Amino acid sequence: MGQLGFFVDMTSCIACKTCQIACKDKNNLEVGAIFRRVYTFEGGKFPNPWVYHLSMACNHCEDPKCVANCPTGAMVKRDDGLVVLNQDACIGCRYCVWSCPYGAPQYIEAEGRVGKCDGCADLVDQGLNPVCVDSCPMRAIEFGDIDELRKKHGGTDWVKGMPDPAITRPAITIKPKAEAIA
């Protein structure tokens, strides 16, 4: 298997935030820390308003700046492409937080260290999906080999509101709503 990544179907996401809650629960996150976020974008003018939702977490980038800029080697890119954090090696310097254009690593004040989505590496190692995937009632998130997901769904790695994908080459593909790319 190659680089693992996520497919997100914006045309199906209803912003229920079940994926966000499942992630928060699995990672036992306190108030303020959220590894998967559901963003809502709105615009247009009457009589043509628009709204779309985007569920995002760590994009397990092919060129992760958080890994490149971590002075202790706490951020690691696994052979399967998942970007994981070795909590014992993290010194809480926040270089990864500042380096990630997607805001995935987050400084957790109570711990004095960083935390982030690891793609539910423990579940993936057992052949299971990340909790965000299985919790989505609309089945708007899939996980797997990013090349296979791109072949299956097509899509894009950029929609309005996201950084330029050339910065990190995120391992995501998104089925956008028309307003998100227009």
N, C-alpha and C. Protein backbone atom coordinates (compact mmCIF):
# COMPACT_ATOMS: atom_id res chain seq x y z
N MET A 1 0.85 -1.18 0.00
CA MET A 1 0.00 0.00 0.00
C MET A 1 0.89 1.24 0.00
N GLY A 2 0.44 2.25 -0.70
CA GLY A 2 1.18 3.51 -0.77
C GLY A 2 0.72 4.48 0.29
N GLN A 3 0.75 5.75 -0.05
CA GLN A 3 0.38 6.84 0.85
C GLN A 3 -1.10 6.74 1.22
N LEU A 4 -1.38 6.68 2.52
CA LEU A 4 -2.75 6.68 2.99
C LEU A 4 -3.29 8.11 3.03
N GLY A 5 -4.59 8.25 2.85
CA GLY A 5 -5.19 9.57 2.88
C GLY A 5 -6.71 9.50 2.98
N PHE A 6 -7.33 10.66 2.88
CA PHE A 6 -8.77 10.79 3.06
C PHE A 6 -9.46 11.31 1.80
N PHE A 7 -10.67 10.83 1.57
CA PHE A 7 -11.60 11.38 0.59
C PHE A 7 -12.71 12.03 1.40
N VAL A 8 -13.09 13.26 1.03
CA VAL A 8 -14.18 13.96 1.69
C VAL A 8 -15.18 14.40 0.62
N ASP A 9 -16.43 14.02 0.81
CA ASP A 9 -17.49 14.37 -0.13
C ASP A 9 -18.26 15.56 0.41
N MET A 10 -17.93 16.75 -0.08
CA MET A 10 -18.59 17.97 0.38
C MET A 10 -20.06 18.00 -0.01
N THR A 11 -20.42 17.27 -1.05
CA THR A 11 -21.81 17.28 -1.50
C THR A 11 -22.71 16.46 -0.57
N SER A 12 -22.11 15.64 0.28
CA SER A 12 -22.89 14.83 1.22
C SER A 12 -22.81 15.33 2.66
N CYS A 13 -21.75 16.05 3.01
CA CYS A 13 -21.55 16.50 4.39
C CYS A 13 -22.66 17.48 4.79
N ILE A 14 -23.27 17.20 5.95
CA ILE A 14 -24.34 18.05 6.46
C ILE A 14 -23.91 18.84 7.71
N ALA A 15 -22.63 18.80 8.02
CA ALA A 15 -22.06 19.52 9.17
C ALA A 15 -22.65 19.07 10.49
N CYS A 16 -22.95 17.81 10.62
CA CYS A 16 -23.49 17.29 11.89
C CYS A 16 -22.39 17.21 12.95
N LYS A 17 -21.15 17.18 12.51
CA LYS A 17 -19.96 17.14 13.37
C LYS A 17 -19.80 15.83 14.14
N THR A 18 -20.46 14.78 13.68
CA THR A 18 -20.30 13.48 14.31
C THR A 18 -18.86 13.00 14.20
N CYS A 19 -18.21 13.27 13.06
CA CYS A 19 -16.80 12.88 12.89
C CYS A 19 -15.92 13.61 13.89
N GLN A 20 -16.21 14.87 14.11
CA GLN A 20 -15.46 15.70 15.05
C GLN A 20 -15.62 15.17 16.48
N ILE A 21 -16.84 14.83 16.84
CA ILE A 21 -17.13 14.33 18.19
C ILE A 21 -16.49 12.96 18.40
N ALA A 22 -16.58 12.08 17.39
CA ALA A 22 -15.99 10.74 17.51
C ALA A 22 -14.48 10.84 17.70
N CYS A 23 -13.85 11.73 16.95
CA CYS A 23 -12.40 11.95 17.08
C CYS A 23 -12.06 12.46 18.47
N LYS A 24 -12.81 13.44 18.91
CA LYS A 24 -12.58 14.04 20.23
C LYS A 24 -12.73 12.98 21.33
N ASP A 25 -13.74 12.13 21.19
CA ASP A 25 -13.99 11.08 22.17
C ASP A 25 -12.87 10.03 22.15
N LYS A 26 -12.49 9.57 20.96
CA LYS A 26 -11.46 8.55 20.86
C LYS A 26 -10.13 9.02 21.44
N ASN A 27 -9.82 10.29 21.21
CA ASN A 27 -8.54 10.84 21.68
C ASN A 27 -8.62 11.47 23.06
N ASN A 28 -9.79 11.36 23.69
CA ASN A 28 -10.00 11.87 25.05
C ASN A 28 -9.53 13.33 25.17
N LEU A 29 -9.98 14.15 24.23
CA LEU A 29 -9.54 15.55 24.17
C LEU A 29 -10.39 16.43 25.08
N GLU A 30 -9.72 17.34 25.75
CA GLU A 30 -10.41 18.28 26.62
C GLU A 30 -10.98 19.43 25.79
N VAL A 31 -11.75 20.26 26.44
CA VAL A 31 -12.34 21.42 25.78
C VAL A 31 -11.24 22.26 25.14
N GLY A 32 -11.48 22.66 23.89
CA GLY A 32 -10.52 23.50 23.16
C GLY A 32 -9.68 22.74 22.17
N ALA A 33 -9.42 21.47 22.40
CA ALA A 33 -8.61 20.67 21.48
C ALA A 33 -9.54 19.89 20.56
N ILE A 34 -9.35 20.07 19.25
CA ILE A 34 -10.14 19.36 18.26
C ILE A 34 -9.21 18.97 17.13
N PHE A 35 -9.04 17.67 16.90
CA PHE A 35 -8.14 17.20 15.85
C PHE A 35 -8.83 17.16 14.49
N ARG A 36 -10.12 16.88 14.44
CA ARG A 36 -10.90 16.95 13.19
C ARG A 36 -11.93 18.05 13.37
N ARG A 37 -11.97 18.95 12.39
CA ARG A 37 -12.88 20.09 12.46
C ARG A 37 -13.79 20.09 11.24
N VAL A 38 -15.02 20.50 11.45
CA VAL A 38 -15.94 20.70 10.35
C VAL A 38 -16.10 22.21 10.16
N TYR A 39 -15.67 22.68 9.00
CA TYR A 39 -15.74 24.10 8.67
C TYR A 39 -16.98 24.35 7.81
N THR A 40 -17.59 25.50 8.02
CA THR A 40 -18.73 25.91 7.21
C THR A 40 -18.37 27.23 6.53
N PHE A 41 -18.58 27.27 5.24
CA PHE A 41 -18.33 28.46 4.44
C PHE A 41 -19.65 28.88 3.81
N GLU A 42 -19.94 30.17 3.84
CA GLU A 42 -21.17 30.66 3.20
C GLU A 42 -20.88 31.93 2.44
N GLY A 43 -21.70 32.18 1.45
CA GLY A 43 -21.51 33.37 0.64
C GLY A 43 -22.66 33.57 -0.32
N GLY A 44 -22.40 34.33 -1.35
CA GLY A 44 -23.43 34.65 -2.32
C GLY A 44 -24.33 35.76 -1.81
N LYS A 45 -25.28 36.11 -2.62
CA LYS A 45 -26.26 37.15 -2.27
C LYS A 45 -27.63 36.68 -2.70
N PHE A 46 -28.62 37.18 -2.01
CA PHE A 46 -29.99 36.86 -2.39
C PHE A 46 -30.20 37.26 -3.84
N PRO A 47 -30.72 36.44 -4.65
CA PRO A 47 -31.43 35.19 -4.38
C PRO A 47 -30.56 33.94 -4.57
N ASN A 48 -29.23 34.11 -4.59
CA ASN A 48 -28.34 32.97 -4.83
C ASN A 48 -27.31 32.77 -3.72
N PRO A 49 -27.77 32.53 -2.49
CA PRO A 49 -26.80 32.25 -1.43
C PRO A 49 -26.26 30.83 -1.59
N TRP A 50 -25.12 30.55 -0.96
CA TRP A 50 -24.58 29.21 -0.98
C TRP A 50 -23.92 28.92 0.36
N VAL A 51 -23.81 27.64 0.65
CA VAL A 51 -23.13 27.18 1.86
C VAL A 51 -22.50 25.82 1.56
N TYR A 52 -21.33 25.59 2.12
CA TYR A 52 -20.75 24.26 2.03
C TYR A 52 -19.97 23.97 3.30
N HIS A 53 -19.78 22.67 3.55
CA HIS A 53 -19.10 22.20 4.75
C HIS A 53 -17.91 21.35 4.33
N LEU A 54 -16.87 21.40 5.14
CA LEU A 54 -15.66 20.64 4.86
C LEU A 54 -15.11 20.07 6.15
N SER A 55 -15.02 18.75 6.22
CA SER A 55 -14.46 18.05 7.37
C SER A 55 -12.96 17.86 7.13
N MET A 56 -12.14 18.43 8.01
CA MET A 56 -10.68 18.37 7.83
C MET A 56 -9.99 17.96 9.12
N ALA A 57 -8.91 17.24 8.96
CA ALA A 57 -8.02 16.88 10.07
C ALA A 57 -6.61 16.99 9.52
N CYS A 58 -5.69 16.25 10.05
CA CYS A 58 -4.35 16.20 9.45
C CYS A 58 -4.50 15.59 8.07
N ASN A 59 -3.83 16.19 7.10
CA ASN A 59 -3.91 15.69 5.73
C ASN A 59 -2.80 14.69 5.39
N HIS A 60 -2.00 14.32 6.38
CA HIS A 60 -0.94 13.33 6.20
C HIS A 60 -0.21 13.59 4.88
N CYS A 61 0.28 14.81 4.80
CA CYS A 61 0.89 15.34 3.58
C CYS A 61 2.07 14.51 3.08
N GLU A 62 2.25 14.55 1.77
CA GLU A 62 3.40 13.86 1.19
C GLU A 62 4.69 14.59 1.53
N ASP A 63 4.61 15.90 1.79
CA ASP A 63 5.77 16.71 2.19
C ASP A 63 5.38 17.50 3.45
N PRO A 64 5.23 16.81 4.59
CA PRO A 64 4.73 17.48 5.79
C PRO A 64 5.75 18.44 6.40
N LYS A 65 5.38 19.71 6.47
CA LYS A 65 6.26 20.73 7.05
C LYS A 65 6.43 20.52 8.54
N CYS A 66 5.43 19.94 9.20
CA CYS A 66 5.53 19.68 10.63
C CYS A 66 6.67 18.70 10.93
N VAL A 67 6.85 17.70 10.08
CA VAL A 67 7.93 16.74 10.24
C VAL A 67 9.28 17.40 9.96
N ALA A 68 9.33 18.15 8.88
CA ALA A 68 10.59 18.79 8.48
C ALA A 68 11.08 19.79 9.52
N ASN A 69 10.16 20.44 10.22
CA ASN A 69 10.56 21.51 11.15
C ASN A 69 10.55 21.11 12.62
N CYS A 70 10.29 19.86 12.93
CA CYS A 70 10.31 19.41 14.32
C CYS A 70 11.76 19.20 14.76
N PRO A 71 12.24 19.97 15.75
CA PRO A 71 13.65 19.87 16.14
C PRO A 71 14.02 18.59 16.88
N THR A 72 13.03 17.88 17.43
CA THR A 72 13.35 16.67 18.21
C THR A 72 13.04 15.38 17.47
N GLY A 73 12.45 15.47 16.30
CA GLY A 73 12.05 14.26 15.58
C GLY A 73 10.79 13.64 16.14
N ALA A 74 10.03 14.40 16.92
CA ALA A 74 8.79 13.88 17.50
C ALA A 74 7.73 13.63 16.43
N MET A 75 7.75 14.43 15.38
CA MET A 75 6.82 14.23 14.26
C MET A 75 7.48 13.28 13.27
N VAL A 76 6.77 12.24 12.92
CA VAL A 76 7.32 11.19 12.06
C VAL A 76 6.32 10.84 10.98
N LYS A 77 6.81 10.63 9.78
CA LYS A 77 5.98 10.14 8.67
C LYS A 77 6.24 8.64 8.55
N ARG A 78 5.22 7.84 8.79
CA ARG A 78 5.36 6.39 8.71
C ARG A 78 5.47 5.93 7.26
N ASP A 79 5.87 4.69 7.07
CA ASP A 79 5.98 4.12 5.73
C ASP A 79 4.66 4.15 4.97
N ASP A 80 3.53 4.08 5.69
CA ASP A 80 2.22 4.11 5.02
C ASP A 80 1.74 5.54 4.78
N GLY A 81 2.55 6.52 5.17
CA GLY A 81 2.23 7.92 4.91
C GLY A 81 1.58 8.65 6.06
N LEU A 82 1.13 7.94 7.10
CA LEU A 82 0.52 8.62 8.22
C LEU A 82 1.57 9.44 8.96
N VAL A 83 1.21 10.66 9.32
CA VAL A 83 2.10 11.52 10.10
C VAL A 83 1.66 11.41 11.55
N VAL A 84 2.56 10.88 12.37
CA VAL A 84 2.24 10.62 13.78
C VAL A 84 3.19 11.39 14.68
N LEU A 85 2.78 11.54 15.92
CA LEU A 85 3.54 12.29 16.90
C LEU A 85 3.98 11.37 18.03
N ASN A 86 5.27 11.37 18.33
CA ASN A 86 5.80 10.66 19.48
C ASN A 86 5.71 11.62 20.66
N GLN A 87 4.69 11.45 21.49
CA GLN A 87 4.45 12.36 22.61
C GLN A 87 5.65 12.47 23.55
N ASP A 88 6.38 11.37 23.73
CA ASP A 88 7.52 11.38 24.65
C ASP A 88 8.66 12.26 24.14
N ALA A 89 8.76 12.43 22.83
CA ALA A 89 9.83 13.26 22.26
C ALA A 89 9.42 14.72 22.08
N CYS A 90 8.12 15.02 22.21
CA CYS A 90 7.63 16.38 22.02
C CYS A 90 8.03 17.26 23.21
N ILE A 91 8.63 18.40 22.90
CA ILE A 91 9.03 19.35 23.94
C ILE A 91 8.11 20.56 24.01
N GLY A 92 7.07 20.57 23.19
CA GLY A 92 6.09 21.66 23.22
C GLY A 92 6.58 22.96 22.63
N CYS A 93 7.54 22.90 21.72
CA CYS A 93 8.11 24.13 21.14
C CYS A 93 7.16 24.80 20.15
N ARG A 94 6.21 24.06 19.61
CA ARG A 94 5.18 24.54 18.68
C ARG A 94 5.68 24.81 17.26
N TYR A 95 6.88 24.40 16.92
CA TYR A 95 7.34 24.61 15.54
C TYR A 95 6.42 23.91 14.55
N CYS A 96 5.92 22.74 14.91
CA CYS A 96 5.00 22.01 14.03
C CYS A 96 3.70 22.78 13.85
N VAL A 97 3.21 23.37 14.92
CA VAL A 97 1.98 24.15 14.87
C VAL A 97 2.14 25.30 13.88
N TRP A 98 3.25 26.00 13.99
CA TRP A 98 3.50 27.15 13.12
C TRP A 98 3.81 26.73 11.69
N SER A 99 4.30 25.52 11.50
CA SER A 99 4.71 25.06 10.17
C SER A 99 3.56 24.52 9.33
N CYS A 100 2.52 24.02 9.97
CA CYS A 100 1.42 23.37 9.24
C CYS A 100 0.45 24.41 8.71
N PRO A 101 0.29 24.50 7.38
CA PRO A 101 -0.64 25.47 6.83
C PRO A 101 -2.11 25.12 7.09
N TYR A 102 -2.37 23.89 7.55
CA TYR A 102 -3.74 23.43 7.79
C TYR A 102 -4.15 23.52 9.26
N GLY A 103 -3.22 23.87 10.14
CA GLY A 103 -3.55 23.98 11.56
C GLY A 103 -3.80 22.65 12.23
N ALA A 104 -3.22 21.57 11.71
CA ALA A 104 -3.50 20.25 12.27
C ALA A 104 -2.86 20.04 13.65
N PRO A 105 -1.56 20.24 13.82
CA PRO A 105 -1.01 20.09 15.17
C PRO A 105 -1.52 21.23 16.06
N GLN A 106 -1.86 20.88 17.28
CA GLN A 106 -2.38 21.87 18.22
C GLN A 106 -1.65 21.78 19.54
N TYR A 107 -1.30 22.93 20.07
CA TYR A 107 -0.66 22.97 21.37
C TYR A 107 -1.73 22.77 22.43
N ILE A 108 -1.50 21.79 23.31
CA ILE A 108 -2.45 21.49 24.38
C ILE A 108 -1.84 22.01 25.68
N GLU A 109 -2.36 23.13 26.11
CA GLU A 109 -1.81 23.87 27.25
C GLU A 109 -1.65 22.99 28.50
N ALA A 110 -2.68 22.23 28.83
CA ALA A 110 -2.64 21.42 30.05
C ALA A 110 -1.51 20.39 30.04
N GLU A 111 -1.11 19.95 28.85
CA GLU A 111 -0.05 18.95 28.74
C GLU A 111 1.31 19.57 28.46
N GLY A 112 1.30 20.81 28.00
CA GLY A 112 2.56 21.47 27.64
C GLY A 112 3.21 20.85 26.41
N ARG A 113 2.36 20.17 25.61
CA ARG A 113 2.85 19.51 24.40
C ARG A 113 1.81 19.66 23.29
N VAL A 114 2.20 19.15 22.15
CA VAL A 114 1.34 19.20 20.98
C VAL A 114 0.57 17.88 20.86
N GLY A 115 -0.58 17.95 20.22
CA GLY A 115 -1.36 16.77 19.86
C GLY A 115 -1.86 16.95 18.45
N LYS A 116 -2.21 15.85 17.78
CA LYS A 116 -2.72 15.95 16.42
C LYS A 116 -3.39 14.65 16.00
N CYS A 117 -4.14 14.73 14.92
CA CYS A 117 -4.71 13.54 14.30
C CYS A 117 -3.57 12.65 13.83
N ASP A 118 -3.65 11.38 14.16
CA ASP A 118 -2.66 10.42 13.67
C ASP A 118 -3.31 9.43 12.70
N GLY A 119 -4.50 9.80 12.20
CA GLY A 119 -5.21 8.91 11.29
C GLY A 119 -5.71 7.66 11.99
N CYS A 120 -5.82 7.74 13.32
CA CYS A 120 -6.17 6.57 14.13
C CYS A 120 -5.24 5.40 13.79
N ALA A 121 -3.95 5.68 13.85
CA ALA A 121 -2.93 4.69 13.48
C ALA A 121 -3.11 3.36 14.19
N ASP A 122 -3.55 3.40 15.45
CA ASP A 122 -3.76 2.15 16.18
C ASP A 122 -4.86 1.31 15.53
N LEU A 123 -5.91 1.94 15.05
CA LEU A 123 -6.98 1.21 14.37
C LEU A 123 -6.55 0.77 12.98
N VAL A 124 -5.86 1.65 12.27
CA VAL A 124 -5.37 1.32 10.92
C VAL A 124 -4.45 0.11 10.99
N ASP A 125 -3.61 0.04 12.01
CA ASP A 125 -2.70 -1.11 12.18
C ASP A 125 -3.46 -2.42 12.39
N GLN A 126 -4.72 -2.32 12.82
CA GLN A 126 -5.57 -3.50 13.00
C GLN A 126 -6.44 -3.77 11.77
N GLY A 127 -6.24 -2.97 10.72
CA GLY A 127 -7.04 -3.13 9.51
C GLY A 127 -8.39 -2.44 9.56
N LEU A 128 -8.55 -1.52 10.50
CA LEU A 128 -9.82 -0.81 10.68
C LEU A 128 -9.72 0.62 10.14
N ASN A 129 -10.85 1.27 10.02
CA ASN A 129 -10.91 2.66 9.58
C ASN A 129 -10.68 3.61 10.75
N PRO A 130 -10.25 4.83 10.48
CA PRO A 130 -10.27 5.87 11.51
C PRO A 130 -11.70 6.10 11.98
N VAL A 131 -11.87 6.53 13.23
CA VAL A 131 -13.23 6.68 13.78
C VAL A 131 -14.06 7.70 13.03
N CYS A 132 -13.44 8.72 12.47
CA CYS A 132 -14.21 9.73 11.73
C CYS A 132 -14.93 9.11 10.53
N VAL A 133 -14.29 8.14 9.90
CA VAL A 133 -14.87 7.49 8.72
C VAL A 133 -16.11 6.69 9.11
N ASP A 134 -15.96 5.82 10.11
CA ASP A 134 -17.06 4.94 10.49
C ASP A 134 -18.19 5.67 11.22
N SER A 135 -17.90 6.82 11.80
CA SER A 135 -18.94 7.54 12.53
C SER A 135 -19.81 8.42 11.63
N CYS A 136 -19.35 8.75 10.43
CA CYS A 136 -20.08 9.67 9.57
C CYS A 136 -21.40 9.06 9.10
N PRO A 137 -22.55 9.63 9.50
CA PRO A 137 -23.82 9.05 9.09
C PRO A 137 -24.11 9.22 7.60
N MET A 138 -23.45 10.19 6.96
CA MET A 138 -23.66 10.43 5.54
C MET A 138 -22.64 9.70 4.66
N ARG A 139 -21.69 9.01 5.29
CA ARG A 139 -20.60 8.30 4.58
C ARG A 139 -19.86 9.27 3.65
N ALA A 140 -19.62 10.48 4.19
CA ALA A 140 -18.95 11.52 3.41
C ALA A 140 -17.43 11.46 3.52
N ILE A 141 -16.89 10.54 4.32
CA ILE A 141 -15.44 10.42 4.49
C ILE A 141 -15.05 8.97 4.21
N GLU A 142 -14.00 8.82 3.41
CA GLU A 142 -13.41 7.49 3.18
C GLU A 142 -11.92 7.59 3.47
N PHE A 143 -11.30 6.45 3.74
CA PHE A 143 -9.89 6.40 4.06
C PHE A 143 -9.26 5.24 3.31
N GLY A 144 -8.05 5.44 2.83
CA GLY A 144 -7.35 4.36 2.15
C GLY A 144 -6.17 4.90 1.36
N ASP A 145 -5.68 4.09 0.44
CA ASP A 145 -4.59 4.51 -0.43
C ASP A 145 -5.06 5.71 -1.24
N ILE A 146 -4.34 6.82 -1.13
CA ILE A 146 -4.80 8.06 -1.74
C ILE A 146 -4.89 7.96 -3.27
N ASP A 147 -3.98 7.24 -3.89
CA ASP A 147 -4.05 7.08 -5.34
C ASP A 147 -5.31 6.32 -5.74
N GLU A 148 -5.67 5.30 -4.96
CA GLU A 148 -6.90 4.55 -5.25
C GLU A 148 -8.14 5.41 -5.02
N LEU A 149 -8.12 6.23 -3.95
CA LEU A 149 -9.25 7.11 -3.69
C LEU A 149 -9.40 8.15 -4.80
N ARG A 150 -8.28 8.64 -5.31
CA ARG A 150 -8.34 9.62 -6.41
C ARG A 150 -8.86 8.97 -7.68
N LYS A 151 -8.47 7.74 -7.94
CA LYS A 151 -9.00 7.02 -9.12
C LYS A 151 -10.49 6.77 -8.98
N LYS A 152 -10.91 6.38 -7.79
CA LYS A 152 -12.31 6.04 -7.55
C LYS A 152 -13.21 7.28 -7.59
N HIS A 153 -12.77 8.38 -6.96
CA HIS A 153 -13.64 9.53 -6.78
C HIS A 153 -13.25 10.76 -7.60
N GLY A 154 -12.04 10.79 -8.12
CA GLY A 154 -11.58 12.02 -8.77
C GLY A 154 -11.39 13.07 -7.70
N GLY A 155 -11.93 14.24 -7.94
CA GLY A 155 -11.89 15.28 -6.93
C GLY A 155 -10.70 16.19 -7.05
N THR A 156 -10.45 16.92 -5.99
CA THR A 156 -9.42 17.94 -5.96
C THR A 156 -8.75 17.94 -4.60
N ASP A 157 -7.57 18.53 -4.52
CA ASP A 157 -6.93 18.68 -3.21
C ASP A 157 -6.98 20.13 -2.74
N TRP A 158 -7.85 20.94 -3.38
CA TRP A 158 -8.00 22.33 -3.00
C TRP A 158 -9.42 22.80 -3.23
N VAL A 159 -9.95 23.52 -2.25
CA VAL A 159 -11.19 24.27 -2.39
C VAL A 159 -10.98 25.63 -1.73
N LYS A 160 -11.87 26.58 -2.03
CA LYS A 160 -11.77 27.91 -1.43
C LYS A 160 -11.62 27.80 0.08
N GLY A 161 -10.69 28.56 0.61
CA GLY A 161 -10.46 28.55 2.05
C GLY A 161 -9.28 27.71 2.47
N MET A 162 -8.74 26.92 1.55
CA MET A 162 -7.60 26.06 1.87
C MET A 162 -6.31 26.68 1.34
N PRO A 163 -5.17 26.35 1.99
CA PRO A 163 -3.88 26.79 1.47
C PRO A 163 -3.55 26.10 0.14
N ASP A 164 -2.60 26.65 -0.57
CA ASP A 164 -2.13 26.07 -1.83
C ASP A 164 -1.60 24.66 -1.58
N PRO A 165 -2.12 23.65 -2.27
CA PRO A 165 -1.67 22.28 -2.04
C PRO A 165 -0.21 22.04 -2.43
N ALA A 166 0.37 22.91 -3.23
CA ALA A 166 1.77 22.75 -3.62
C ALA A 166 2.71 22.88 -2.42
N ILE A 167 2.25 23.51 -1.34
CA ILE A 167 3.09 23.71 -0.16
C ILE A 167 3.48 22.38 0.48
N THR A 168 2.51 21.47 0.62
CA THR A 168 2.75 20.22 1.35
C THR A 168 2.31 18.95 0.61
N ARG A 169 1.60 19.11 -0.49
CA ARG A 169 1.01 17.98 -1.22
C ARG A 169 0.17 17.09 -0.28
N PRO A 170 -0.99 17.61 0.15
CA PRO A 170 -1.84 16.88 1.09
C PRO A 170 -2.39 15.59 0.49
N ALA A 171 -2.48 14.57 1.33
CA ALA A 171 -3.00 13.27 0.90
C ALA A 171 -4.52 13.26 1.11
N ILE A 172 -5.18 14.13 0.35
CA ILE A 172 -6.64 14.23 0.40
C ILE A 172 -7.17 14.36 -1.01
N THR A 173 -8.41 13.99 -1.17
CA THR A 173 -9.14 14.31 -2.38
C THR A 173 -10.56 14.66 -1.95
N ILE A 174 -11.07 15.71 -2.54
CA ILE A 174 -12.35 16.26 -2.12
C ILE A 174 -13.30 16.31 -3.31
N LYS A 175 -14.52 15.84 -3.11
CA LYS A 175 -15.58 16.04 -4.08
C LYS A 175 -16.22 17.36 -3.72
N PRO A 176 -15.91 18.43 -4.47
CA PRO A 176 -16.36 19.75 -4.05
C PRO A 176 -17.77 20.08 -4.49
N LYS A 177 -18.39 20.99 -3.77
CA LYS A 177 -19.60 21.63 -4.26
C LYS A 177 -19.13 22.68 -5.25
N ALA A 178 -19.93 23.02 -6.20
CA ALA A 178 -19.55 23.95 -7.26
C ALA A 178 -19.06 25.28 -6.69
N GLU A 179 -19.69 25.76 -5.64
CA GLU A 179 -19.31 27.05 -5.05
C GLU A 179 -17.90 27.02 -4.45
N ALA A 180 -17.42 25.84 -4.11
CA ALA A 180 -16.14 25.71 -3.43
C ALA A 180 -14.95 25.86 -4.38
N ILE A 181 -15.20 25.75 -5.67
CA ILE A 181 -14.09 25.86 -6.63
C ILE A 181 -14.31 26.98 -7.66
N ALA A 182 -15.49 27.58 -7.62
CA ALA A 182 -15.81 28.63 -8.61
C ALA A 182 -15.07 29.92 -8.32
